[in-house]
Each structure stands twice: as structure tokens, then as C-alpha cells.
Amino acid sequence: MTAVFVIAVASPALADWWIVRASDGKCVVVDIQPTGKDKNITKVGKDVYQTPEEAEADVKRLCKEPEPAYRPDAE
């Protein structure tokens, strides 16, 4: 029974993570490897991340939201 518990607890730590960019330009961290079959999704960043925190840090660096265009009427 102990071995089953250890495997169940350790399992999430063994997951791999990826960053994907959807066709709308938004980036998401996923735990399912992108296959390349969906043409609306592009893998960005490193080939694989060991933790979701590592992937989220790269999302902030790689997937910056575009700056809003200057609108003189907005002032």
C-alpha cells in the first residue's frame, strides 16, 4: 500500500510541461505534449520544461502581450 501512495504522490512531479501559443496569440502552459497536428497551436520556448513554474517564467518572457497602439482620442 505504501508503494502505491509514493507513486501517486511522485507522479505529478514527473510530468513534463510545454508552452503553446494559440491562433489568437495567447500562450498557455500545458502538460500534454503538442503533436503538431493542430495548425492553430504552435509550441514555443524550450523543447520541454520540468516544472510548470519554469514554463510560466518563460511565458512571461516569451509571450508578452502586444503594447496597445497609441490612441490620441483615449486621453
C-alpha atoms as a PDB file:
ATOM      1  CA  MET A   1       0.000   0.000   0.000  1.00  0.00           C
ATOM      2  CA  THR A   2       2.884   2.388   0.748  1.00  0.00           C
ATOM      3  CA  ALA A   3       4.423   1.901  -2.706  1.00  0.00           C
ATOM      4  CA  VAL A   4       1.166   2.849  -4.391  1.00  0.00           C
ATOM      5  CA  PHE A   5       0.963   6.047  -2.349  1.00  0.00           C
ATOM      6  CA  VAL A   6       4.557   7.030  -3.163  1.00  0.00           C
ATOM      7  CA  ILE A   7       3.992   6.545  -6.900  1.00  0.00           C
ATOM      8  CA  ALA A   8       0.731   8.510  -6.817  1.00  0.00           C
ATOM      9  CA  VAL A   9       2.347  11.399  -4.964  1.00  0.00           C
ATOM     10  CA  ALA A  10       5.512  11.449  -7.103  1.00  0.00           C
ATOM     11  CA  SER A  11       3.651  11.211 -10.380  1.00  0.00           C
ATOM     12  CA  PRO A  12       2.821  14.952 -10.817  1.00  0.00           C
ATOM     13  CA  ALA A  13       6.461  15.835 -10.191  1.00  0.00           C
ATOM     14  CA  LEU A  14       7.480  13.617 -13.099  1.00  0.00           C
ATOM     15  CA  ALA A  15       5.259  15.415 -15.592  1.00  0.00           C
ATOM     16  CA  ASP A  16       6.695  17.422 -18.484  1.00  0.00           C
ATOM     17  CA  TRP A  17       5.339  20.827 -19.471  1.00  0.00           C
ATOM     18  CA  TRP A  18       5.180  22.809 -22.723  1.00  0.00           C
ATOM     19  CA  ILE A  19       4.225  26.319 -23.788  1.00  0.00           C
ATOM     20  CA  VAL A  20       1.816  26.625 -26.689  1.00  0.00           C
ATOM     21  CA  ARG A  21       0.573  29.727 -28.489  1.00  0.00           C
ATOM     22  CA  ALA A  22      -2.973  29.627 -29.831  1.00  0.00           C
ATOM     23  CA  SER A  23      -4.028  31.280 -33.082  1.00  0.00           C
ATOM     24  CA  ASP A  24      -5.290  34.271 -31.041  1.00  0.00           C
ATOM     25  CA  GLY A  25      -1.706  34.869 -29.813  1.00  0.00           C
ATOM     26  CA  LYS A  26      -2.277  33.812 -26.195  1.00  0.00           C
ATOM     27  CA  CYS A  27       0.211  31.460 -24.567  1.00  0.00           C
ATOM     28  CA  VAL A  28      -0.723  28.605 -22.254  1.00  0.00           C
ATOM     29  CA  VAL A  29       1.324  26.091 -20.238  1.00  0.00           C
ATOM     30  CA  VAL A  30       0.126  22.541 -20.895  1.00  0.00           C
ATOM     31  CA  ASP A  31       1.051  19.100 -19.602  1.00  0.00           C
ATOM     32  CA  ILE A  32       0.140  17.297 -22.827  1.00  0.00           C
ATOM     33  CA  GLN A  33       2.853  17.300 -25.486  1.00  0.00           C
ATOM     34  CA  PRO A  34       1.820  19.219 -28.612  1.00  0.00           C
ATOM     35  CA  THR A  35       1.826  16.873 -31.607  1.00  0.00           C
ATOM     36  CA  GLY A  36       1.942  19.459 -34.374  1.00  0.00           C
ATOM     37  CA  LYS A  37      -1.282  18.132 -35.905  1.00  0.00           C
ATOM     38  CA  ASP A  38      -3.334  21.152 -34.812  1.00  0.00           C
ATOM     39  CA  LYS A  39      -2.252  24.025 -37.057  1.00  0.00           C
ATOM     40  CA  ASN A  40      -3.891  26.577 -34.692  1.00  0.00           C
ATOM     41  CA  ILE A  41      -1.348  25.825 -31.955  1.00  0.00           C
ATOM     42  CA  THR A  42       2.391  26.492 -32.027  1.00  0.00           C
ATOM     43  CA  LYS A  43       4.868  25.206 -29.463  1.00  0.00           C
ATOM     44  CA  VAL A  44       7.156  27.983 -28.181  1.00  0.00           C
ATOM     45  CA  GLY A  45      10.076  28.086 -25.770  1.00  0.00           C
ATOM     46  CA  LYS A  46      12.261  25.163 -24.780  1.00  0.00           C
ATOM     47  CA  ASP A  47      11.612  21.655 -26.046  1.00  0.00           C
ATOM     48  CA  VAL A  48      10.309  20.608 -22.600  1.00  0.00           C
ATOM     49  CA  TYR A  49      10.041  22.122 -19.108  1.00  0.00           C
ATOM     50  CA  GLN A  50      10.485  20.111 -15.924  1.00  0.00           C
ATOM     51  CA  THR A  51       8.094  22.209 -13.801  1.00  0.00           C
ATOM     52  CA  PRO A  52       5.062  24.381 -14.539  1.00  0.00           C
ATOM     53  CA  GLU A  53       6.776  27.255 -12.701  1.00  0.00           C
ATOM     54  CA  GLU A  54       9.728  27.103 -15.097  1.00  0.00           C
ATOM     55  CA  ALA A  55       7.337  27.207 -18.059  1.00  0.00           C
ATOM     56  CA  GLU A  56       5.329  30.103 -16.569  1.00  0.00           C
ATOM     57  CA  ALA A  57       8.528  32.111 -16.131  1.00  0.00           C
ATOM     58  CA  ASP A  58       9.280  31.670 -19.847  1.00  0.00           C
ATOM     59  CA  VAL A  59       5.695  32.599 -20.758  1.00  0.00           C
ATOM     60  CA  LYS A  60       6.276  35.980 -19.112  1.00  0.00           C
ATOM     61  CA  ARG A  61       9.484  36.405 -21.124  1.00  0.00           C
ATOM     62  CA  LEU A  62       8.422  34.944 -24.488  1.00  0.00           C
ATOM     63  CA  CYS A  63       4.738  35.751 -24.752  1.00  0.00           C
ATOM     64  CA  LYS A  64       4.422  39.380 -23.837  1.00  0.00           C
ATOM     65  CA  GLU A  65       1.098  40.887 -24.731  1.00  0.00           C
ATOM     66  CA  PRO A  66       1.480  43.457 -27.502  1.00  0.00           C
ATOM     67  CA  GLU A  67       1.530  47.048 -26.357  1.00  0.00           C
ATOM     68  CA  PRO A  68      -1.709  48.863 -27.103  1.00  0.00           C
ATOM     69  CA  ALA A  69      -1.477  51.215 -30.043  1.00  0.00           C
ATOM     70  CA  TYR A  70      -1.359  54.911 -29.226  1.00  0.00           C
ATOM     71  CA  ARG A  71      -4.838  56.400 -29.456  1.00  0.00           C
ATOM     72  CA  PRO A  72      -4.936  60.189 -29.128  1.00  0.00           C
ATOM     73  CA  ASP A  73      -8.710  60.086 -28.509  1.00  0.00           C
ATOM     74  CA  ALA A  74      -8.197  57.919 -25.408  1.00  0.00           C
ATOM     75  CA  GLU A  75      -6.791  60.809 -23.338  1.00  0.00           C
END
